[in-house]
Amino acid sequence: MESLIFVWSVAIVLGFITWRRSTFRFREATLGYAWQQAFVVLPRMPIALVAAGFITELLPQETISGMIGADSGWTGVLIATALGAIIPSGPIISFPIAIALYDLGAGLPQLVAFLTAWSVFAVHRLLMWEVPLMGWGFCWRRLASSLPLPFIAAGLAALVAAVR
C-alpha cells in the first residue's frame, strides 16, 4: 500500500508541475498520451491475468519454490535470471508471470532478478532488434557490461527486505 501511495504522490506532484509550466502540455499528456496508452493496455490486461492464473495452476508449487524460492539463494537468482532472459514477451505478460511465480513461492530477490534479466537480456529482443541494427560487437559488449545487473538488483532487494 505504501508503494501505491508513493507512486500516486509522485504522479500528482509531477502532474502539478507540468500543469504550472504549461497547461497545453498537461492537457496533451493527460488527454492524449495517457488515454492512448490506456486503449492499448486495458484490453490486454484481462488476458494476461488469466494467463498468469493458468500458470499458477499448471506449474507445480514445490518445483518453483525449490528452484527460485526464498531459500534457493544465489542459485535461485541464477535460475531466475536465465528464465527472465528467455521469456519472449512484453510487460503485459512478464509482470503477471512474476506475480504467478510469487504466488507459487518464488523469493523476492529471485523475482527482482527475473524482471531485471527480462528487461536487460531478453533474447528475443536481442535477436530481432539489437543484432540486426547494432551488430554482434555492440551486443556482446552490452551483454558483458550488463551481466552483473540482475545479481546486483537481487542483492539490493535482499538488503531492502532484510531492513524491512
N, C-alpha and C. Protein backbone atom coordinates (compact mmCIF):
# COMPACT_ATOMS: atom_id res chain seq x y z
N MET A 1 0.82 -1.19 0.00
CA MET A 1 0.00 0.00 0.00
C MET A 1 0.87 1.26 0.00
N GLU A 2 2.02 1.17 0.71
CA GLU A 2 2.90 2.34 0.76
C GLU A 2 3.43 2.69 -0.62
N SER A 3 3.76 1.65 -1.42
CA SER A 3 4.30 1.91 -2.75
C SER A 3 3.24 2.54 -3.65
N LEU A 4 1.99 2.12 -3.50
CA LEU A 4 0.91 2.71 -4.28
C LEU A 4 0.75 4.19 -3.94
N ILE A 5 0.78 4.51 -2.67
CA ILE A 5 0.68 5.91 -2.24
C ILE A 5 1.86 6.72 -2.77
N PHE A 6 3.05 6.13 -2.72
CA PHE A 6 4.23 6.82 -3.22
C PHE A 6 4.13 7.10 -4.72
N VAL A 7 3.74 6.09 -5.50
CA VAL A 7 3.65 6.27 -6.95
C VAL A 7 2.60 7.33 -7.31
N TRP A 8 1.44 7.29 -6.67
CA TRP A 8 0.41 8.28 -6.95
C TRP A 8 0.84 9.68 -6.49
N SER A 9 1.55 9.75 -5.40
CA SER A 9 2.05 11.06 -4.93
C SER A 9 3.02 11.66 -5.93
N VAL A 10 3.94 10.85 -6.42
CA VAL A 10 4.89 11.33 -7.43
C VAL A 10 4.16 11.75 -8.69
N ALA A 11 3.18 10.96 -9.13
CA ALA A 11 2.41 11.30 -10.33
C ALA A 11 1.66 12.62 -10.16
N ILE A 12 1.07 12.83 -9.01
CA ILE A 12 0.32 14.06 -8.76
C ILE A 12 1.25 15.27 -8.72
N VAL A 13 2.38 15.13 -8.04
CA VAL A 13 3.34 16.24 -7.97
C VAL A 13 3.87 16.58 -9.36
N LEU A 14 4.26 15.57 -10.12
CA LEU A 14 4.76 15.83 -11.47
C LEU A 14 3.67 16.39 -12.38
N GLY A 15 2.45 15.91 -12.23
CA GLY A 15 1.33 16.48 -12.99
C GLY A 15 1.10 17.94 -12.65
N PHE A 16 1.19 18.28 -11.37
CA PHE A 16 1.01 19.66 -10.95
C PHE A 16 2.12 20.56 -11.52
N ILE A 17 3.37 20.06 -11.49
CA ILE A 17 4.48 20.83 -12.05
C ILE A 17 4.28 21.05 -13.55
N THR A 18 3.85 20.01 -14.25
CA THR A 18 3.59 20.13 -15.69
C THR A 18 2.46 21.12 -15.95
N TRP A 19 1.42 21.04 -15.16
CA TRP A 19 0.28 21.95 -15.33
C TRP A 19 0.70 23.40 -15.10
N ARG A 20 1.55 23.64 -14.07
CA ARG A 20 2.01 25.00 -13.77
C ARG A 20 2.89 25.56 -14.90
N ARG A 21 3.68 24.70 -15.52
CA ARG A 21 4.57 25.16 -16.58
C ARG A 21 3.83 25.41 -17.88
N SER A 22 2.91 24.50 -18.22
CA SER A 22 2.20 24.63 -19.50
C SER A 22 0.91 23.81 -19.44
N THR A 23 -0.21 24.49 -19.48
CA THR A 23 -1.48 23.77 -19.45
C THR A 23 -1.66 22.97 -20.74
N PHE A 24 -1.09 23.47 -21.85
CA PHE A 24 -1.19 22.71 -23.10
C PHE A 24 -0.47 21.37 -22.97
N ARG A 25 0.74 21.37 -22.42
CA ARG A 25 1.49 20.12 -22.23
C ARG A 25 0.75 19.18 -21.28
N PHE A 26 0.17 19.74 -20.23
CA PHE A 26 -0.58 18.93 -19.27
C PHE A 26 -1.77 18.27 -19.97
N ARG A 27 -2.50 19.04 -20.75
CA ARG A 27 -3.66 18.51 -21.47
C ARG A 27 -3.21 17.46 -22.49
N GLU A 28 -2.11 17.74 -23.16
CA GLU A 28 -1.58 16.80 -24.15
C GLU A 28 -1.17 15.48 -23.48
N ALA A 29 -0.55 15.58 -22.31
CA ALA A 29 -0.09 14.39 -21.59
C ALA A 29 -1.26 13.58 -21.04
N THR A 30 -2.21 14.26 -20.42
CA THR A 30 -3.31 13.53 -19.78
C THR A 30 -4.35 13.06 -20.78
N LEU A 31 -4.79 13.94 -21.64
CA LEU A 31 -5.86 13.58 -22.57
C LEU A 31 -5.34 12.85 -23.80
N GLY A 32 -4.12 13.12 -24.17
CA GLY A 32 -3.56 12.50 -25.36
C GLY A 32 -2.87 11.19 -25.07
N TYR A 33 -1.69 11.30 -24.52
CA TYR A 33 -0.84 10.12 -24.34
C TYR A 33 -1.42 9.11 -23.35
N ALA A 34 -1.92 9.57 -22.23
CA ALA A 34 -2.44 8.65 -21.20
C ALA A 34 -3.63 7.84 -21.74
N TRP A 35 -4.55 8.49 -22.42
CA TRP A 35 -5.70 7.76 -22.96
C TRP A 35 -5.29 6.82 -24.09
N GLN A 36 -4.32 7.26 -24.88
CA GLN A 36 -3.81 6.41 -25.95
C GLN A 36 -3.23 5.12 -25.37
N GLN A 37 -2.43 5.24 -24.32
CA GLN A 37 -1.85 4.06 -23.68
C GLN A 37 -2.92 3.20 -23.01
N ALA A 38 -3.92 3.83 -22.43
CA ALA A 38 -4.99 3.07 -21.78
C ALA A 38 -5.73 2.19 -22.79
N PHE A 39 -5.96 2.70 -23.98
CA PHE A 39 -6.66 1.92 -25.00
C PHE A 39 -5.81 0.76 -25.51
N VAL A 40 -4.49 0.88 -25.40
CA VAL A 40 -3.61 -0.22 -25.82
C VAL A 40 -3.51 -1.26 -24.71
N VAL A 41 -3.34 -0.82 -23.47
CA VAL A 41 -3.04 -1.73 -22.37
C VAL A 41 -4.30 -2.40 -21.79
N LEU A 42 -5.35 -1.66 -21.58
CA LEU A 42 -6.53 -2.20 -20.89
C LEU A 42 -7.13 -3.44 -21.53
N PRO A 43 -7.27 -3.52 -22.85
CA PRO A 43 -7.84 -4.76 -23.41
C PRO A 43 -6.94 -5.98 -23.20
N ARG A 44 -5.65 -5.77 -23.05
CA ARG A 44 -4.72 -6.89 -22.90
C ARG A 44 -4.63 -7.40 -21.45
N MET A 45 -4.95 -6.56 -20.50
CA MET A 45 -4.79 -6.93 -19.09
C MET A 45 -5.60 -8.16 -18.67
N PRO A 46 -6.89 -8.26 -19.00
CA PRO A 46 -7.63 -9.45 -18.57
C PRO A 46 -7.03 -10.75 -19.11
N ILE A 47 -6.59 -10.72 -20.36
CA ILE A 47 -5.99 -11.92 -20.95
C ILE A 47 -4.70 -12.28 -20.23
N ALA A 48 -3.88 -11.27 -19.94
CA ALA A 48 -2.61 -11.52 -19.25
C ALA A 48 -2.84 -12.07 -17.85
N LEU A 49 -3.83 -11.53 -17.16
CA LEU A 49 -4.11 -12.00 -15.80
C LEU A 49 -4.67 -13.42 -15.80
N VAL A 50 -5.49 -13.74 -16.79
CA VAL A 50 -6.00 -15.11 -16.91
C VAL A 50 -4.84 -16.06 -17.22
N ALA A 51 -3.94 -15.63 -18.10
CA ALA A 51 -2.76 -16.46 -18.41
C ALA A 51 -1.92 -16.69 -17.16
N ALA A 52 -1.74 -15.66 -16.35
CA ALA A 52 -0.99 -15.81 -15.11
C ALA A 52 -1.69 -16.78 -14.17
N GLY A 53 -3.01 -16.73 -14.14
CA GLY A 53 -3.77 -17.67 -13.32
C GLY A 53 -3.57 -19.11 -13.78
N PHE A 54 -3.52 -19.31 -15.10
CA PHE A 54 -3.26 -20.65 -15.62
C PHE A 54 -1.86 -21.13 -15.26
N ILE A 55 -0.91 -20.20 -15.30
CA ILE A 55 0.46 -20.57 -14.95
C ILE A 55 0.52 -21.08 -13.51
N THR A 56 -0.19 -20.40 -12.61
CA THR A 56 -0.16 -20.84 -11.21
C THR A 56 -0.78 -22.22 -11.05
N GLU A 57 -1.74 -22.55 -11.89
CA GLU A 57 -2.37 -23.87 -11.79
C GLU A 57 -1.53 -24.95 -12.47
N LEU A 58 -0.83 -24.58 -13.53
CA LEU A 58 -0.09 -25.58 -14.30
C LEU A 58 1.27 -25.94 -13.71
N LEU A 59 1.95 -24.95 -13.14
CA LEU A 59 3.29 -25.22 -12.60
C LEU A 59 3.19 -25.76 -11.17
N PRO A 60 3.96 -26.79 -10.87
CA PRO A 60 3.93 -27.32 -9.51
C PRO A 60 4.63 -26.38 -8.53
N GLN A 61 3.94 -26.07 -7.44
CA GLN A 61 4.46 -25.13 -6.45
C GLN A 61 5.77 -25.61 -5.84
N GLU A 62 5.90 -26.89 -5.60
CA GLU A 62 7.11 -27.42 -4.99
C GLU A 62 8.33 -27.17 -5.88
N THR A 63 8.14 -27.32 -7.18
CA THR A 63 9.25 -27.12 -8.11
C THR A 63 9.69 -25.66 -8.13
N ILE A 64 8.73 -24.75 -8.24
CA ILE A 64 9.05 -23.32 -8.31
C ILE A 64 9.68 -22.86 -7.00
N SER A 65 9.06 -23.20 -5.87
CA SER A 65 9.62 -22.75 -4.59
C SER A 65 10.98 -23.40 -4.33
N GLY A 66 11.21 -24.58 -4.85
CA GLY A 66 12.51 -25.22 -4.69
C GLY A 66 13.59 -24.59 -5.57
N MET A 67 13.20 -24.23 -6.80
CA MET A 67 14.19 -23.68 -7.74
C MET A 67 14.48 -22.20 -7.50
N ILE A 68 13.41 -21.42 -7.30
CA ILE A 68 13.62 -19.97 -7.15
C ILE A 68 12.92 -19.43 -5.91
N GLY A 69 12.77 -20.26 -4.91
CA GLY A 69 12.16 -19.83 -3.66
C GLY A 69 13.09 -18.97 -2.84
N ALA A 70 12.59 -18.46 -1.74
CA ALA A 70 13.38 -17.58 -0.87
C ALA A 70 14.62 -18.28 -0.33
N ASP A 71 14.56 -19.60 -0.17
CA ASP A 71 15.70 -20.34 0.37
C ASP A 71 16.66 -20.84 -0.70
N SER A 72 16.41 -20.52 -1.96
CA SER A 72 17.26 -21.03 -3.05
C SER A 72 18.56 -20.24 -3.20
N GLY A 73 18.63 -19.07 -2.58
CA GLY A 73 19.87 -18.29 -2.58
C GLY A 73 20.30 -17.83 -3.96
N TRP A 74 21.64 -17.78 -4.14
CA TRP A 74 22.18 -17.27 -5.41
C TRP A 74 21.95 -18.22 -6.56
N THR A 75 21.79 -19.52 -6.27
CA THR A 75 21.45 -20.47 -7.33
C THR A 75 20.07 -20.13 -7.89
N GLY A 76 19.13 -19.80 -7.01
CA GLY A 76 17.80 -19.38 -7.44
C GLY A 76 17.84 -18.09 -8.23
N VAL A 77 18.71 -17.17 -7.82
CA VAL A 77 18.86 -15.92 -8.56
C VAL A 77 19.38 -16.21 -9.97
N LEU A 78 20.33 -17.13 -10.08
CA LEU A 78 20.87 -17.50 -11.39
C LEU A 78 19.80 -18.14 -12.26
N ILE A 79 19.01 -19.04 -11.69
CA ILE A 79 17.92 -19.68 -12.44
C ILE A 79 16.88 -18.65 -12.86
N ALA A 80 16.51 -17.76 -11.95
CA ALA A 80 15.53 -16.72 -12.26
C ALA A 80 16.06 -15.78 -13.35
N THR A 81 17.35 -15.50 -13.32
CA THR A 81 17.97 -14.67 -14.35
C THR A 81 17.86 -15.34 -15.71
N ALA A 82 18.16 -16.63 -15.75
CA ALA A 82 18.06 -17.38 -17.01
C ALA A 82 16.62 -17.41 -17.52
N LEU A 83 15.66 -17.63 -16.61
CA LEU A 83 14.25 -17.62 -17.00
C LEU A 83 13.83 -16.27 -17.54
N GLY A 84 14.23 -15.20 -16.86
CA GLY A 84 13.87 -13.86 -17.31
C GLY A 84 14.43 -13.53 -18.68
N ALA A 85 15.63 -14.04 -18.97
CA ALA A 85 16.26 -13.76 -20.25
C ALA A 85 15.55 -14.44 -21.41
N ILE A 86 14.91 -15.59 -21.17
CA ILE A 86 14.31 -16.33 -22.28
C ILE A 86 12.80 -16.13 -22.41
N ILE A 87 12.18 -15.35 -21.52
CA ILE A 87 10.73 -15.11 -21.63
C ILE A 87 10.49 -14.17 -22.81
N PRO A 88 9.85 -14.66 -23.89
CA PRO A 88 9.66 -13.82 -25.08
C PRO A 88 8.35 -13.04 -25.02
N SER A 89 8.35 -11.96 -24.30
CA SER A 89 7.10 -11.19 -24.18
C SER A 89 7.40 -9.78 -23.74
N GLY A 90 6.34 -9.01 -23.71
CA GLY A 90 6.43 -7.65 -23.19
C GLY A 90 5.98 -7.62 -21.74
N PRO A 91 5.85 -6.41 -21.19
CA PRO A 91 5.48 -6.29 -19.78
C PRO A 91 4.07 -6.79 -19.47
N ILE A 92 3.20 -6.80 -20.45
CA ILE A 92 1.83 -7.26 -20.22
C ILE A 92 1.81 -8.74 -19.83
N ILE A 93 2.78 -9.49 -20.27
CA ILE A 93 2.88 -10.91 -19.92
C ILE A 93 3.90 -11.14 -18.81
N SER A 94 5.03 -10.46 -18.86
CA SER A 94 6.11 -10.73 -17.90
C SER A 94 5.74 -10.40 -16.46
N PHE A 95 5.05 -9.31 -16.25
CA PHE A 95 4.70 -8.96 -14.88
C PHE A 95 3.64 -9.90 -14.29
N PRO A 96 2.60 -10.28 -15.05
CA PRO A 96 1.71 -11.32 -14.50
C PRO A 96 2.42 -12.65 -14.25
N ILE A 97 3.42 -13.00 -15.09
CA ILE A 97 4.19 -14.21 -14.82
C ILE A 97 4.94 -14.06 -13.50
N ALA A 98 5.50 -12.87 -13.26
CA ALA A 98 6.20 -12.63 -11.99
C ALA A 98 5.23 -12.76 -10.82
N ILE A 99 4.02 -12.26 -10.97
CA ILE A 99 3.00 -12.39 -9.91
C ILE A 99 2.68 -13.87 -9.68
N ALA A 100 2.54 -14.63 -10.78
CA ALA A 100 2.25 -16.05 -10.65
C ALA A 100 3.41 -16.78 -9.96
N LEU A 101 4.64 -16.43 -10.31
CA LEU A 101 5.80 -17.05 -9.66
C LEU A 101 5.84 -16.71 -8.18
N TYR A 102 5.48 -15.48 -7.84
CA TYR A 102 5.43 -15.08 -6.44
C TYR A 102 4.38 -15.90 -5.68
N ASP A 103 3.23 -16.09 -6.31
CA ASP A 103 2.18 -16.90 -5.69
C ASP A 103 2.61 -18.36 -5.52
N LEU A 104 3.51 -18.81 -6.38
CA LEU A 104 4.00 -20.19 -6.29
C LEU A 104 5.18 -20.35 -5.35
N GLY A 105 5.60 -19.26 -4.70
CA GLY A 105 6.64 -19.37 -3.69
C GLY A 105 8.00 -18.82 -4.08
N ALA A 106 8.10 -18.11 -5.19
CA ALA A 106 9.39 -17.52 -5.57
C ALA A 106 9.78 -16.44 -4.57
N GLY A 107 11.07 -16.32 -4.31
CA GLY A 107 11.56 -15.32 -3.37
C GLY A 107 11.63 -13.94 -4.01
N LEU A 108 11.62 -12.92 -3.19
CA LEU A 108 11.66 -11.54 -3.69
C LEU A 108 12.95 -11.24 -4.46
N PRO A 109 14.14 -11.57 -3.95
CA PRO A 109 15.35 -11.31 -4.74
C PRO A 109 15.35 -12.05 -6.07
N GLN A 110 14.80 -13.26 -6.08
CA GLN A 110 14.74 -14.03 -7.31
C GLN A 110 13.79 -13.37 -8.32
N LEU A 111 12.67 -12.84 -7.83
CA LEU A 111 11.75 -12.15 -8.74
C LEU A 111 12.36 -10.88 -9.30
N VAL A 112 13.10 -10.17 -8.46
CA VAL A 112 13.78 -8.96 -8.94
C VAL A 112 14.80 -9.33 -10.01
N ALA A 113 15.53 -10.41 -9.79
CA ALA A 113 16.49 -10.88 -10.81
C ALA A 113 15.77 -11.30 -12.08
N PHE A 114 14.63 -11.98 -11.95
CA PHE A 114 13.83 -12.40 -13.10
C PHE A 114 13.43 -11.19 -13.94
N LEU A 115 12.85 -10.17 -13.31
CA LEU A 115 12.39 -9.00 -14.05
C LEU A 115 13.55 -8.16 -14.58
N THR A 116 14.64 -8.09 -13.85
CA THR A 116 15.81 -7.35 -14.33
C THR A 116 16.39 -8.05 -15.56
N ALA A 117 16.53 -9.36 -15.51
CA ALA A 117 17.05 -10.11 -16.66
C ALA A 117 16.11 -10.00 -17.84
N TRP A 118 14.81 -10.04 -17.58
CA TRP A 118 13.84 -9.89 -18.68
C TRP A 118 14.02 -8.53 -19.36
N SER A 119 14.22 -7.49 -18.58
CA SER A 119 14.32 -6.17 -19.18
C SER A 119 15.69 -5.90 -19.81
N VAL A 120 16.73 -6.57 -19.34
CA VAL A 120 18.08 -6.28 -19.84
C VAL A 120 18.55 -7.29 -20.89
N PHE A 121 18.24 -8.57 -20.70
CA PHE A 121 18.82 -9.61 -21.53
C PHE A 121 17.85 -10.29 -22.49
N ALA A 122 16.64 -9.84 -22.64
CA ALA A 122 15.63 -10.55 -23.43
C ALA A 122 16.20 -11.03 -24.76
N VAL A 123 16.33 -12.34 -24.91
CA VAL A 123 16.94 -12.93 -26.08
C VAL A 123 16.16 -12.59 -27.35
N HIS A 124 14.83 -12.58 -27.26
CA HIS A 124 14.04 -12.28 -28.44
C HIS A 124 14.31 -10.86 -28.94
N ARG A 125 14.45 -9.90 -28.04
CA ARG A 125 14.77 -8.53 -28.45
C ARG A 125 16.17 -8.44 -29.01
N LEU A 126 17.07 -9.17 -28.39
CA LEU A 126 18.45 -9.18 -28.84
C LEU A 126 18.54 -9.65 -30.29
N LEU A 127 17.88 -10.76 -30.59
CA LEU A 127 17.97 -11.34 -31.93
C LEU A 127 17.14 -10.56 -32.96
N MET A 128 16.02 -10.00 -32.54
CA MET A 128 15.16 -9.29 -33.50
C MET A 128 15.59 -7.85 -33.76
N TRP A 129 16.14 -7.19 -32.76
CA TRP A 129 16.43 -5.76 -32.90
C TRP A 129 17.89 -5.41 -32.78
N GLU A 130 18.52 -5.82 -31.71
CA GLU A 130 19.87 -5.34 -31.44
C GLU A 130 20.90 -5.86 -32.44
N VAL A 131 20.91 -7.16 -32.67
CA VAL A 131 21.92 -7.71 -33.59
C VAL A 131 21.74 -7.15 -35.00
N PRO A 132 20.52 -7.16 -35.57
CA PRO A 132 20.40 -6.60 -36.93
C PRO A 132 20.72 -5.10 -37.01
N LEU A 133 20.40 -4.35 -35.97
CA LEU A 133 20.61 -2.90 -36.03
C LEU A 133 22.01 -2.48 -35.59
N MET A 134 22.56 -3.13 -34.56
CA MET A 134 23.82 -2.68 -33.98
C MET A 134 24.99 -3.62 -34.24
N GLY A 135 24.72 -4.86 -34.57
CA GLY A 135 25.79 -5.82 -34.82
C GLY A 135 26.18 -6.59 -33.57
N TRP A 136 26.87 -7.71 -33.79
CA TRP A 136 27.25 -8.58 -32.68
C TRP A 136 28.25 -7.94 -31.75
N GLY A 137 29.15 -7.13 -32.28
CA GLY A 137 30.17 -6.49 -31.43
C GLY A 137 29.55 -5.64 -30.34
N PHE A 138 28.61 -4.81 -30.73
CA PHE A 138 27.90 -3.97 -29.75
C PHE A 138 27.14 -4.84 -28.77
N CYS A 139 26.44 -5.84 -29.28
CA CYS A 139 25.60 -6.69 -28.41
C CYS A 139 26.44 -7.42 -27.37
N TRP A 140 27.59 -7.96 -27.76
CA TRP A 140 28.44 -8.66 -26.79
C TRP A 140 28.93 -7.71 -25.72
N ARG A 141 29.31 -6.50 -26.12
CA ARG A 141 29.79 -5.53 -25.12
C ARG A 141 28.68 -5.12 -24.17
N ARG A 142 27.48 -4.90 -24.72
CA ARG A 142 26.35 -4.52 -23.87
C ARG A 142 26.00 -5.64 -22.91
N LEU A 143 25.96 -6.87 -23.40
CA LEU A 143 25.63 -8.01 -22.54
C LEU A 143 26.70 -8.21 -21.46
N ALA A 144 27.95 -8.09 -21.84
CA ALA A 144 29.03 -8.28 -20.86
C ALA A 144 28.99 -7.20 -19.78
N SER A 145 28.72 -5.97 -20.18
CA SER A 145 28.67 -4.90 -19.18
C SER A 145 27.41 -4.96 -18.32
N SER A 146 26.36 -5.59 -18.84
CA SER A 146 25.10 -5.69 -18.10
C SER A 146 24.98 -6.97 -17.28
N LEU A 147 25.90 -7.88 -17.45
CA LEU A 147 25.80 -9.19 -16.79
C LEU A 147 25.59 -9.13 -15.28
N PRO A 148 26.26 -8.24 -14.55
CA PRO A 148 26.06 -8.24 -13.09
C PRO A 148 24.75 -7.61 -12.62
N LEU A 149 24.02 -6.95 -13.50
CA LEU A 149 22.84 -6.19 -13.06
C LEU A 149 21.78 -7.02 -12.33
N PRO A 150 21.36 -8.19 -12.83
CA PRO A 150 20.35 -8.95 -12.08
C PRO A 150 20.84 -9.37 -10.68
N PHE A 151 22.12 -9.64 -10.56
CA PHE A 151 22.68 -10.07 -9.28
C PHE A 151 22.78 -8.88 -8.31
N ILE A 152 23.15 -7.72 -8.84
CA ILE A 152 23.19 -6.51 -8.01
C ILE A 152 21.77 -6.16 -7.54
N ALA A 153 20.82 -6.21 -8.48
CA ALA A 153 19.42 -5.89 -8.13
C ALA A 153 18.88 -6.88 -7.11
N ALA A 154 19.19 -8.18 -7.27
CA ALA A 154 18.73 -9.18 -6.30
C ALA A 154 19.35 -8.96 -4.94
N GLY A 155 20.63 -8.61 -4.91
CA GLY A 155 21.30 -8.32 -3.65
C GLY A 155 20.69 -7.12 -2.95
N LEU A 156 20.39 -6.07 -3.71
CA LEU A 156 19.74 -4.89 -3.12
C LEU A 156 18.34 -5.22 -2.64
N ALA A 157 17.62 -6.05 -3.38
CA ALA A 157 16.27 -6.45 -2.94
C ALA A 157 16.35 -7.24 -1.64
N ALA A 158 17.36 -8.10 -1.52
CA ALA A 158 17.52 -8.86 -0.28
C ALA A 158 17.86 -7.95 0.89
N LEU A 159 18.69 -6.93 0.63
CA LEU A 159 19.01 -5.97 1.69
C LEU A 159 17.79 -5.18 2.13
N VAL A 160 17.02 -4.71 1.16
CA VAL A 160 15.80 -3.95 1.49
C VAL A 160 14.82 -4.82 2.26
N ALA A 161 14.67 -6.08 1.83
CA ALA A 161 13.76 -6.99 2.54
C ALA A 161 14.25 -7.26 3.97
N ALA A 162 15.57 -7.34 4.14
CA ALA A 162 16.11 -7.60 5.47
C ALA A 162 15.92 -6.40 6.40
N VAL A 163 15.98 -5.19 5.85
CA VAL A 163 15.82 -3.98 6.65
C VAL A 163 14.36 -3.80 7.06
N ARG A 164 13.45 -4.15 6.18
CA ARG A 164 12.02 -4.00 6.47
C ARG A 164 11.67 -4.96 7.54
